[in-house]
PDB file of N, CA and C in Angstrom:
ATOM      1  N   MET A   1     148.784  99.552  52.181  1.00  0.00           N
ATOM      2  CA  MET A   1     148.710 100.016  50.817  1.00  0.00           C
ATOM      3  C   MET A   1     148.584  98.835  49.845  1.00  0.00           C
ATOM      4  N   ASP A   2     149.358  97.751  50.115  1.00  0.00           N
ATOM      5  CA  ASP A   2     149.294  96.572  49.249  1.00  0.00           C
ATOM      6  C   ASP A   2     147.898  95.962  49.256  1.00  0.00           C
ATOM      7  N   MET A   3     147.267  95.949  50.437  1.00  0.00           N
ATOM      8  CA  MET A   3     145.927  95.372  50.536  1.00  0.00           C
ATOM      9  C   MET A   3     144.921  96.197  49.735  1.00  0.00           C
ATOM     10  N   ALA A   4     145.039  97.515  49.789  1.00  0.00           N
ATOM     11  CA  ALA A   4     144.125  98.376  49.039  1.00  0.00           C
ATOM     12  C   ALA A   4     144.275  98.147  47.541  1.00  0.00           C
ATOM     13  N   VAL A   5     145.506  98.044  47.086  1.00  0.00           N
ATOM     14  CA  VAL A   5     145.743  97.778  45.664  1.00  0.00           C
ATOM     15  C   VAL A   5     145.177  96.417  45.281  1.00  0.00           C
ATOM     16  N   GLY A   6     145.371  95.420  46.141  1.00  0.00           N
ATOM     17  CA  GLY A   6     144.840  94.083  45.875  1.00  0.00           C
ATOM     18  C   GLY A   6     143.322  94.069  45.782  1.00  0.00           C
ATOM     19  N   ILE A   7     142.672  94.819  46.666  1.00  0.00           N
ATOM     20  CA  ILE A   7     141.199  94.871  46.644  1.00  0.00           C
ATOM     21  C   ILE A   7     140.709  95.532  45.373  1.00  0.00           C
ATOM     22  N   ILE A   8     141.349  96.630  44.982  1.00  0.00           N
ATOM     23  CA  ILE A   8     140.925  97.338  43.765  1.00  0.00           C
ATOM     24  C   ILE A   8     141.148  96.468  42.536  1.00  0.00           C
ATOM     25  N   ILE A   9     142.307  95.843  42.451  1.00  0.00           N
ATOM     26  CA  ILE A   9     142.595  94.957  41.314  1.00  0.00           C
ATOM     27  C   ILE A   9     141.631  93.770  41.317  1.00  0.00           C
ATOM     28  N   GLY A  10     141.360  93.221  42.502  1.00  0.00           N
ATOM     29  CA  GLY A  10     140.435  92.092  42.612  1.00  0.00           C
ATOM     30  C   GLY A  10     139.033  92.442  42.151  1.00  0.00           C
ATOM     31  N   ALA A  11     138.562  93.632  42.512  1.00  0.00           N
ATOM     32  CA  ALA A  11     137.225  94.056  42.080  1.00  0.00           C
ATOM     33  C   ALA A  11     137.168  94.218  40.567  1.00  0.00           C
ATOM     34  N   ALA A  12     138.201  94.825  39.996  1.00  0.00           N
ATOM     35  CA  ALA A  12     138.235  94.987  38.543  1.00  0.00           C
ATOM     36  C   ALA A  12     138.329  93.630  37.856  1.00  0.00           C
ATOM     37  N   PHE A  13     139.135  92.735  38.407  1.00  0.00           N
ATOM     38  CA  PHE A  13     139.296  91.407  37.840  1.00  0.00           C
ATOM     39  C   PHE A  13     137.994  90.624  37.916  1.00  0.00           C
ATOM     40  N   THR A  14     137.268  90.772  39.021  1.00  0.00           N
ATOM     41  CA  THR A  14     135.985  90.084  39.176  1.00  0.00           C
ATOM     42  C   THR A  14     134.995  90.548  38.113  1.00  0.00           C
ATOM     43  N   ALA A  15     134.994  91.839  37.820  1.00  0.00           N
ATOM     44  CA  ALA A  15     134.104  92.350  36.777  1.00  0.00           C
ATOM     45  C   ALA A  15     134.470  91.771  35.416  1.00  0.00           C
ATOM     46  N   ILE A  16     135.756  91.686  35.136  1.00  0.00           N
ATOM     47  CA  ILE A  16     136.202  91.129  33.852  1.00  0.00           C
ATOM     48  C   ILE A  16     135.808  89.657  33.738  1.00  0.00           C
ATOM     49  N   VAL A  17     136.048  88.896  34.781  1.00  0.00           N
ATOM     50  CA  VAL A  17     135.704  87.476  34.743  1.00  0.00           C
ATOM     51  C   VAL A  17     134.188  87.293  34.682  1.00  0.00           C
ATOM     52  N   GLY A  18     133.440  88.154  35.360  1.00  0.00           N
ATOM     53  CA  GLY A  18     131.976  88.082  35.292  1.00  0.00           C
ATOM     54  C   GLY A  18     131.468  88.266  33.876  1.00  0.00           C
ATOM     55  N   ILE A  19     132.034  89.218  33.171  1.00  0.00           N
ATOM     56  CA  ILE A  19     131.642  89.444  31.777  1.00  0.00           C
ATOM     57  C   ILE A  19     132.086  88.273  30.909  1.00  0.00           C
ATOM     58  N   LEU A  20     133.281  87.757  31.153  1.00  0.00           N
ATOM     59  CA  LEU A  20     133.767  86.592  30.402  1.00  0.00           C
ATOM     60  C   LEU A  20     132.815  85.417  30.559  1.00  0.00           C
ATOM     61  N   VAL A  21     132.414  85.157  31.789  1.00  0.00           N
ATOM     62  CA  VAL A  21     131.527  84.024  32.039  1.00  0.00           C
ATOM     63  C   VAL A  21     130.145  84.283  31.438  1.00  0.00           C
ATOM     64  N   ALA A  22     129.607  85.478  31.650  1.00  0.00           N
ATOM     65  CA  ALA A  22     128.254  85.777  31.169  1.00  0.00           C
ATOM     66  C   ALA A  22     128.167  85.793  29.648  1.00  0.00           C
ATOM     67  N   ASP A  23     129.191  86.347  28.979  1.00  0.00           N
ATOM     68  CA  ASP A  23     129.103  86.542  27.537  1.00  0.00           C
ATOM     69  C   ASP A  23     129.783  85.459  26.702  1.00  0.00           C
ATOM     70  N   MET A  24     130.667  84.666  27.315  1.00  0.00           N
ATOM     71  CA  MET A  24     131.378  83.671  26.514  1.00  0.00           C
ATOM     72  C   MET A  24     131.208  82.244  27.023  1.00  0.00           C
ATOM     73  N   ILE A  25     131.372  82.041  28.308  1.00  0.00           N
ATOM     74  CA  ILE A  25     131.331  80.673  28.831  1.00  0.00           C
ATOM     75  C   ILE A  25     129.899  80.160  28.943  1.00  0.00           C
ATOM     76  N   ASN A  26     128.989  80.959  29.496  1.00  0.00           N
ATOM     77  CA  ASN A  26     127.600  80.502  29.632  1.00  0.00           C
ATOM     78  C   ASN A  26     126.937  80.211  28.287  1.00  0.00           C
ATOM     79  N   PRO A  27     127.106  81.056  27.260  1.00  0.00           N
ATOM     80  CA  PRO A  27     126.527  80.673  25.963  1.00  0.00           C
ATOM     81  C   PRO A  27     127.134  79.388  25.401  1.00  0.00           C
ATOM     82  N   LEU A  28     128.439  79.185  25.632  1.00  0.00           N
ATOM     83  CA  LEU A  28     129.077  77.952  25.161  1.00  0.00           C
ATOM     84  C   LEU A  28     128.506  76.737  25.886  1.00  0.00           C
ATOM     85  N   ILE A  29     128.354  76.839  27.199  1.00  0.00           N
ATOM     86  CA  ILE A  29     127.764  75.735  27.970  1.00  0.00           C
ATOM     87  C   ILE A  29     126.318  75.520  27.549  1.00  0.00           C
ATOM     88  N   GLY A  30     125.591  76.614  27.349  1.00  0.00           N
ATOM     89  CA  GLY A  30     124.207  76.501  26.881  1.00  0.00           C
ATOM     90  C   GLY A  30     124.112  75.830  25.531  1.00  0.00           C
ATOM     91  N   LEU A  31     125.055  76.145  24.649  1.00  0.00           N
ATOM     92  CA  LEU A  31     125.075  75.527  23.323  1.00  0.00           C
ATOM     93  C   LEU A  31     125.350  74.031  23.434  1.00  0.00           C
ATOM     94  N   LEU A  32     126.283  73.663  24.309  1.00  0.00           N
ATOM     95  CA  LEU A  32     126.604  72.250  24.497  1.00  0.00           C
ATOM     96  C   LEU A  32     125.450  71.487  25.150  1.00  0.00           C
ATOM     97  N   MET A  33     124.609  72.190  25.911  1.00  0.00           N
ATOM     98  CA  MET A  33     123.490  71.548  26.596  1.00  0.00           C
ATOM     99  C   MET A  33     122.184  71.686  25.814  1.00  0.00           C
ATOM    100  N   GLY A  34     122.279  72.027  24.541  1.00  0.00           N
ATOM    101  CA  GLY A  34     121.081  72.074  23.705  1.00  0.00           C
ATOM    102  C   GLY A  34     120.389  73.431  23.684  1.00  0.00           C
ATOM    103  N   GLY A  35     121.131  74.515  23.805  1.00  0.00           N
ATOM    104  CA  GLY A  35     120.564  75.846  23.693  1.00  0.00           C
ATOM    105  C   GLY A  35     119.923  76.379  24.957  1.00  0.00           C
ATOM    106  N   VAL A  36     120.285  75.877  26.107  1.00  0.00           N
ATOM    107  CA  VAL A  36     119.710  76.342  27.365  1.00  0.00           C
ATOM    108  C   VAL A  36     120.374  77.663  27.742  1.00  0.00           C
ATOM    109  N   ASP A  37     119.552  78.689  28.024  1.00  0.00           N
ATOM    110  CA  ASP A  37     120.050  79.981  28.487  1.00  0.00           C
ATOM    111  C   ASP A  37     119.898  80.017  30.003  1.00  0.00           C
ATOM    112  N   PHE A  38     121.015  80.042  30.711  1.00  0.00           N
ATOM    113  CA  PHE A  38     120.971  79.990  32.168  1.00  0.00           C
ATOM    114  C   PHE A  38     120.245  81.175  32.777  1.00  0.00           C
ATOM    115  N   ALA A  39     120.404  82.352  32.194  1.00  0.00           N
ATOM    116  CA  ALA A  39     119.773  83.540  32.763  1.00  0.00           C
ATOM    117  C   ALA A  39     118.257  83.438  32.731  1.00  0.00           C
ATOM    118  N   GLY A  40     117.725  82.704  31.786  1.00  0.00           N
ATOM    119  CA  GLY A  40     116.279  82.596  31.656  1.00  0.00           C
ATOM    120  C   GLY A  40     115.655  81.458  32.444  1.00  0.00           C
ATOM    121  N   LEU A  41     116.453  80.640  33.098  1.00  0.00           N
ATOM    122  CA  LEU A  41     115.908  79.516  33.852  1.00  0.00           C
ATOM    123  C   LEU A  41     115.200  80.032  35.107  1.00  0.00           C
ATOM    124  N   SER A  42     113.975  79.613  35.260  1.00  0.00           N
ATOM    125  CA  SER A  42     113.213  80.033  36.437  1.00  0.00           C
ATOM    126  C   SER A  42     112.100  79.039  36.702  1.00  0.00           C
ATOM    127  N   ALA A  43     111.595  79.109  37.909  1.00  0.00           N
ATOM    128  CA  ALA A  43     110.469  78.274  38.299  1.00  0.00           C
ATOM    129  C   ALA A  43     109.473  79.165  39.030  1.00  0.00           C
ATOM    130  N   SER A  44     108.202  78.917  38.784  1.00  0.00           N
ATOM    131  CA  SER A  44     107.163  79.715  39.426  1.00  0.00           C
ATOM    132  C   SER A  44     106.345  78.843  40.352  1.00  0.00           C
ATOM    133  N   VAL A  45     106.113  79.378  41.542  1.00  0.00           N
ATOM    134  CA  VAL A  45     105.247  78.731  42.520  1.00  0.00           C
ATOM    135  C   VAL A  45     104.250  79.800  42.949  1.00  0.00           C
ATOM    136  N   GLY A  46     103.055  79.658  42.473  1.00  0.00           N
ATOM    137  CA  GLY A  46     102.062  80.694  42.742  1.00  0.00           C
ATOM    138  C   GLY A  46     102.475  81.980  42.044  1.00  0.00           C
ATOM    139  N   GLU A  47     102.555  83.055  42.806  1.00  0.00           N
ATOM    140  CA  GLU A  47     102.978  84.335  42.233  1.00  0.00           C
ATOM    141  C   GLU A  47     104.490  84.545  42.347  1.00  0.00           C
ATOM    142  N   ALA A  48     105.174  83.695  43.092  1.00  0.00           N
ATOM    143  CA  ALA A  48     106.621  83.840  43.282  1.00  0.00           C
ATOM    144  C   ALA A  48     107.367  83.192  42.121  1.00  0.00           C
ATOM    145  N   THR A  49     108.410  83.882  41.658  1.00  0.00           N
ATOM    146  CA  THR A  49     109.251  83.353  40.590  1.00  0.00           C
ATOM    147  C   THR A  49     110.669  83.214  41.115  1.00  0.00           C
ATOM    148  N   PHE A  50     111.203  82.006  40.987  1.00  0.00           N
ATOM    149  CA  PHE A  50     112.560  81.719  41.429  1.00  0.00           C
ATOM    150  C   PHE A  50     113.445  81.618  40.198  1.00  0.00           C
ATOM    151  N   THR A  51     114.362  82.560  40.052  1.00  0.00           N
ATOM    152  CA  THR A  51     115.276  82.542  38.908  1.00  0.00           C
ATOM    153  C   THR A  51     116.571  81.848  39.323  1.00  0.00           C
ATOM    154  N   TYR A  52     116.543  80.547  39.271  1.00  0.00           N
ATOM    155  CA  TYR A  52     117.714  79.772  39.671  1.00  0.00           C
ATOM    156  C   TYR A  52     118.805  79.796  38.606  1.00  0.00           C
ATOM    157  N   GLY A  53     118.502  80.267  37.429  1.00  0.00           N
ATOM    158  CA  GLY A  53     119.515  80.416  36.385  1.00  0.00           C
ATOM    159  C   GLY A  53     120.588  81.419  36.783  1.00  0.00           C
ATOM    160  N   ASN A  54     120.183  82.494  37.435  1.00  0.00           N
ATOM    161  CA  ASN A  54     121.168  83.470  37.913  1.00  0.00           C
ATOM    162  C   ASN A  54     122.078  82.853  38.963  1.00  0.00           C
ATOM    163  N   PHE A  55     121.533  81.969  39.782  1.00  0.00           N
ATOM    164  CA  PHE A  55     122.345  81.284  40.783  1.00  0.00           C
ATOM    165  C   PHE A  55     123.369  80.376  40.117  1.00  0.00           C
ATOM    166  N   ILE A  56     122.971  79.677  39.067  1.00  0.00           N
ATOM    167  CA  ILE A  56     123.896  78.823  38.328  1.00  0.00           C
ATOM    168  C   ILE A  56     125.005  79.675  37.713  1.00  0.00           C
ATOM    169  N   MET A  57     124.650  80.831  37.159  1.00  0.00           N
ATOM    170  CA  MET A  57     125.652  81.732  36.593  1.00  0.00           C
ATOM    171  C   MET A  57     126.617  82.221  37.675  1.00  0.00           C
ATOM    172  N   ALA A  58     126.110  82.518  38.867  1.00  0.00           N
ATOM    173  CA  ALA A  58     126.971  82.971  39.969  1.00  0.00           C
ATOM    174  C   ALA A  58     127.932  81.867  40.389  1.00  0.00           C
ATOM    175  N   ILE A  59     127.475  80.623  40.393  1.00  0.00           N
ATOM    176  CA  ILE A  59     128.354  79.497  40.739  1.00  0.00           C
ATOM    177  C   ILE A  59     129.454  79.343  39.694  1.00  0.00           C
ATOM    178  N   ILE A  60     129.105  79.457  38.424  1.00  0.00           N
ATOM    179  CA  ILE A  60     130.105  79.352  37.363  1.00  0.00           C
ATOM    180  C   ILE A  60     131.105  80.499  37.477  1.00  0.00           C
ATOM    181  N   ASN A  61     130.619  81.723  37.743  1.00  0.00           N
ATOM    182  CA  ASN A  61     131.519  82.866  37.947  1.00  0.00           C
ATOM    183  C   ASN A  61     132.495  82.579  39.076  1.00  0.00           C
ATOM    184  N   PHE A  62     131.978  82.079  40.196  1.00  0.00           N
ATOM    185  CA  PHE A  62     132.819  81.782  41.345  1.00  0.00           C
ATOM    186  C   PHE A  62     133.877  80.747  41.005  1.00  0.00           C
ATOM    187  N   LEU A  63     133.479  79.687  40.321  1.00  0.00           N
ATOM    188  CA  LEU A  63     134.431  78.627  39.982  1.00  0.00           C
ATOM    189  C   LEU A  63     135.538  79.135  39.063  1.00  0.00           C
ATOM    190  N   VAL A  64     135.186  79.964  38.091  1.00  0.00           N
ATOM    191  CA  VAL A  64     136.200  80.504  37.185  1.00  0.00           C
ATOM    192  C   VAL A  64     137.143  81.432  37.941  1.00  0.00           C
ATOM    193  N   ILE A  65     136.596  82.317  38.767  1.00  0.00           N
ATOM    194  CA  ILE A  65     137.433  83.243  39.541  1.00  0.00           C
ATOM    195  C   ILE A  65     138.316  82.474  40.509  1.00  0.00           C
ATOM    196  N   ALA A  66     137.759  81.482  41.193  1.00  0.00           N
ATOM    197  CA  ALA A  66     138.544  80.698  42.145  1.00  0.00           C
ATOM    198  C   ALA A  66     139.675  79.950  41.438  1.00  0.00           C
ATOM    199  N   PHE A  67     139.406  79.402  40.254  1.00  0.00           N
ATOM    200  CA  PHE A  67     140.437  78.696  39.507  1.00  0.00           C
ATOM    201  C   PHE A  67     141.560  79.632  39.088  1.00  0.00           C
ATOM    202  N   VAL A  68     141.204  80.808  38.590  1.00  0.00           N
ATOM    203  CA  VAL A  68     142.224  81.752  38.141  1.00  0.00           C
ATOM    204  C   VAL A  68     143.053  82.250  39.324  1.00  0.00           C
ATOM    205  N   VAL A  69     142.407  82.546  40.446  1.00  0.00           N
ATOM    206  CA  VAL A  69     143.145  82.988  41.633  1.00  0.00           C
ATOM    207  C   VAL A  69     144.044  81.861  42.136  1.00  0.00           C
ATOM    208  N   PHE A  70     143.552  80.626  42.126  1.00  0.00           N
ATOM    209  CA  PHE A  70     144.362  79.477  42.535  1.00  0.00           C
ATOM    210  C   PHE A  70     145.607  79.363  41.666  1.00  0.00           C
ATOM    211  N   MET A  71     145.441  79.473  40.355  1.00  0.00           N
ATOM    212  CA  MET A  71     146.583  79.373  39.452  1.00  0.00           C
ATOM    213  C   MET A  71     147.559  80.522  39.667  1.00  0.00           C
ATOM    214  N   LEU A  72     147.045  81.719  39.936  1.00  0.00           N
ATOM    215  CA  LEU A  72     147.902  82.870  40.193  1.00  0.00           C
ATOM    216  C   LEU A  72     148.719  82.673  41.462  1.00  0.00           C
ATOM    217  N   VAL A  73     148.066  82.260  42.540  1.00  0.00           N
ATOM    218  CA  VAL A  73     148.767  82.029  43.805  1.00  0.00           C
ATOM    219  C   VAL A  73     149.765  80.889  43.658  1.00  0.00           C
ATOM    220  N   ARG A  74     149.384  79.862  42.938  1.00  0.00           N
ATOM    221  CA  ARG A  74     150.281  78.723  42.731  1.00  0.00           C
ATOM    222  C   ARG A  74     151.543  79.151  41.983  1.00  0.00           C
ATOM    223  N   SER A  75     151.386  79.958  40.943  1.00  0.00           N
ATOM    224  CA  SER A  75     152.563  80.405  40.191  1.00  0.00           C
ATOM    225  C   SER A  75     153.419  81.358  41.022  1.00  0.00           C
ATOM    226  N   LEU A  76     152.798  82.209  41.829  1.00  0.00           N
ATOM    227  CA  LEU A  76     153.573  83.090  42.704  1.00  0.00           C
ATOM    228  C   LEU A  76     154.359  82.291  43.734  1.00  0.00           C
ATOM    229  N   ASN A  77     153.754  81.249  44.288  1.00  0.00           N
ATOM    230  CA  ASN A  77     154.459  80.405  45.250  1.00  0.00           C
ATOM    231  C   ASN A  77     155.631  79.670  44.600  1.00  0.00           C
ATOM    232  N   LYS A  78     155.456  79.212  43.366  1.00  0.00           N
ATOM    233  CA  LYS A  78     156.559  78.547  42.662  1.00  0.00           C
ATOM    234  C   LYS A  78     157.708  79.518  42.432  1.00  0.00           C
ATOM    235  N   MET A  79     157.383  80.755  42.042  1.00  0.00           N
ATOM    236  CA  MET A  79     158.438  81.742  41.824  1.00  0.00           C
ATOM    237  C   MET A  79     159.148  82.068  43.131  1.00  0.00           C
ATOM    238  N   LYS A  80     158.386  82.145  44.226  1.00  0.00           N
ATOM    239  CA  LYS A  80     158.978  82.449  45.525  1.00  0.00           C
ATOM    240  C   LYS A  80     159.900  81.321  45.977  1.00  0.00           C
ATOM    241  N   LYS A  81     159.473  80.057  45.785  1.00  0.00           N
ATOM    242  CA  LYS A  81     160.309  78.916  46.154  1.00  0.00           C
ATOM    243  C   LYS A  81     161.575  78.867  45.304  1.00  0.00           C
ATOM    244  N   ALA A  82     161.445  79.177  44.025  1.00  0.00           N
ATOM    245  CA  ALA A  82     162.614  79.175  43.144  1.00  0.00           C
ATOM    246  C   ALA A  82     163.587  80.267  43.572  1.00  0.00           C
ATOM    247  N   GLU A  83     163.084  81.384  43.992  1.00  0.00           N
ATOM    248  CA  GLU A  83     163.936  82.481  44.446  1.00  0.00           C
ATOM    249  C   GLU A  83     164.652  82.112  45.743  1.00  0.00           C
ATOM    250  N   GLU A  84     163.934  81.440  46.656  1.00  0.00           N
ATOM    251  CA  GLU A  84     164.542  81.025  47.917  1.00  0.00           C
ATOM    252  C   GLU A  84     165.567  79.916  47.703  1.00  0.00           C
ATOM    253  N   ALA A  85     165.329  79.053  46.744  1.00  0.00           N
ATOM    254  CA  ALA A  85     166.226  77.922  46.501  1.00  0.00           C
ATOM    255  C   ALA A  85     167.482  78.336  45.737  1.00  0.00           C
ATOM    256  N   ALA A  86     167.460  79.489  45.102  1.00  0.00           N
ATOM    257  CA  ALA A  86     168.623  79.936  44.340  1.00  0.00           C
ATOM    258  C   ALA A  86     169.786  80.192  45.294  1.00  0.00           C
ATOM    259  N   PRO A  87     170.975  79.727  44.936  1.00  0.00           N
ATOM    260  CA  PRO A  87     172.124  79.933  45.825  1.00  0.00           C
ATOM    261  C   PRO A  87     172.484  81.412  45.905  1.00  0.00           C
ATOM    262  N   ALA A  88     172.985  81.793  47.060  1.00  0.00           N
ATOM    263  CA  ALA A  88     173.403  83.176  47.252  1.00  0.00           C
ATOM    264  C   ALA A  88     174.623  83.452  46.380  1.00  0.00           C
ATOM    265  N   PRO A  89     174.714  84.639  45.836  1.00  0.00           N
ATOM    266  CA  PRO A  89     175.870  84.936  44.986  1.00  0.00           C
ATOM    267  C   PRO A  89     177.162  84.895  45.804  1.00  0.00           C
ATOM    268  N   ALA A  90     178.179  84.331  45.216  1.00  0.00           N
ATOM    269  CA  ALA A  90     179.465  84.189  45.902  1.00  0.00           C
ATOM    270  C   ALA A  90     180.139  85.549  46.009  1.00  0.00           C
ATOM    271  N   LEU A  91     180.690  85.807  47.163  1.00  0.00           N
ATOM    272  CA  LEU A  91     181.407  87.059  47.364  1.00  0.00           C
ATOM    273  C   LEU A  91     182.782  86.946  46.724  1.00  0.00           C
ATOM    274  N   ALA A  92     183.249  88.015  46.145  1.00  0.00           N
ATOM    275  CA  ALA A  92     184.514  87.994  45.429  1.00  0.00           C
ATOM    276  C   ALA A  92     185.702  88.329  46.332  1.00  0.00           C
ATOM    277  N   GLY A  93     185.482  88.512  47.602  1.00  0.00           N
ATOM    278  CA  GLY A  93     186.551  88.890  48.516  1.00  0.00           C
ATOM    279  C   GLY A  93     187.369  87.705  48.978  1.00  0.00           C
ATOM    280  N   PRO A  94     188.364  87.959  49.819  1.00  0.00           N
ATOM    281  CA  PRO A  94     189.221  86.879  50.323  1.00  0.00           C
ATOM    282  C   PRO A  94     188.458  85.972  51.290  1.00  0.00           C
ATOM    283  N   THR A  95     188.956  84.751  51.424  1.00  0.00           N
ATOM    284  CA  THR A  95     188.323  83.804  52.340  1.00  0.00           C
ATOM    285  C   THR A  95     188.723  84.139  53.764  1.00  0.00           C
ATOM    286  N   GLN A  96     188.117  83.472  54.704  1.00  0.00           N
ATOM    287  CA  GLN A  96     188.394  83.712  56.121  1.00  0.00           C
ATOM    288  C   GLN A  96     189.832  83.310  56.463  1.00  0.00           C
ATOM    289  N   GLU A  97     190.292  82.247  55.869  1.00  0.00           N
ATOM    290  CA  GLU A  97     191.655  81.797  56.128  1.00  0.00           C
ATOM    291  C   GLU A  97     192.682  82.814  55.626  1.00  0.00           C
ATOM    292  N   GLU A  98     192.418  83.371  54.452  1.00  0.00           N
ATOM    293  CA  GLU A  98     193.338  84.379  53.902  1.00  0.00           C
ATOM    294  C   GLU A  98     193.378  85.623  54.785  1.00  0.00           C
ATOM    295  N   LEU A  99     192.225  86.039  55.287  1.00  0.00           N
ATOM    296  CA  LEU A  99     192.193  87.192  56.183  1.00  0.00           C
ATOM    297  C   LEU A  99     192.966  86.916  57.474  1.00  0.00           C
ATOM    298  N   LEU A 100     192.790  85.722  58.038  1.00  0.00           N
ATOM    299  CA  LEU A 100     193.506  85.370  59.263  1.00  0.00           C
ATOM    300  C   LEU A 100     195.020  85.318  59.035  1.00  0.00           C
ATOM    301  N   ALA A 101     195.422  84.816  57.881  1.00  0.00           N
ATOM    302  CA  ALA A 101     196.851  84.774  57.553  1.00  0.00           C
ATOM    303  C   ALA A 101     197.404  86.191  57.437  1.00  0.00           C
ATOM    304  N   ASP A 102     196.675  87.108  56.817  1.00  0.00           N
ATOM    305  CA  ASP A 102     197.107  88.503  56.711  1.00  0.00           C
ATOM    306  C   ASP A 102     197.223  89.153  58.085  1.00  0.00           C
ATOM    307  N   ILE A 103     196.263  88.849  58.974  1.00  0.00           N
ATOM    308  CA  ILE A 103     196.304  89.410  60.331  1.00  0.00           C
ATOM    309  C   ILE A 103     197.515  88.856  61.078  1.00  0.00           C
ATOM    310  N   LEU A 104     197.815  87.582  60.903  1.00  0.00           N
ATOM    311  CA  LEU A 104     198.966  86.970  61.561  1.00  0.00           C
ATOM    312  C   LEU A 104     200.264  87.622  61.101  1.00  0.00           C
ATOM    313  N   VAL A 105     200.381  87.853  59.797  1.00  0.00           N
ATOM    314  CA  VAL A 105     201.568  88.498  59.246  1.00  0.00           C
ATOM    315  C   VAL A 105     201.700  89.912  59.835  1.00  0.00           C
ATOM    316  N   ALA A 106     200.583  90.632  59.914  1.00  0.00           N
ATOM    317  CA  ALA A 106     200.610  92.003  60.451  1.00  0.00           C
ATOM    318  C   ALA A 106     200.991  91.999  61.924  1.00  0.00           C
ATOM    319  N   LEU A 107     200.543  91.030  62.680  1.00  0.00           N
ATOM    320  CA  LEU A 107     200.876  90.947  64.103  1.00  0.00           C
ATOM    321  C   LEU A 107     202.362  90.622  64.315  1.00  0.00           C
ATOM    322  N   LYS A 108     202.916  89.779  63.455  1.00  0.00           N
ATOM    323  CA  LYS A 108     204.331  89.414  63.572  1.00  0.00           C
ATOM    324  C   LYS A 108     205.230  90.605  63.316  1.00  0.00           C
ATOM    325  N   LYS A 109     204.796  91.535  62.467  1.00  0.00           N
ATOM    326  CA  LYS A 109     205.606  92.719  62.165  1.00  0.00           C
ATOM    327  C   LYS A 109     205.578  93.608  63.379  1.00  0.00           C
TER     328      LYS A 109
END
């Protein structure tokens, strides 16, 4: 069940990041590179057209998704380590020595 939820969330997250990259990051990179639109980059050889701009956009999408997933896993691992390192709560009951002393008293009676 956890895997199914993870896959569904991952697919939705991928769509969100894809839109983020396509509509916000790529235009910003294009602006910084002198107005280059990655989606429109292509090369023609004879009648064949190679749209390598879409490939560049896919690489940027992958890098953004991989970075966000890396940061998510990293923060989850830190929380897990902090939880494991936390000391166990102290029990409020009597110590082992006190219990043994009570048993000794009961045996003597």
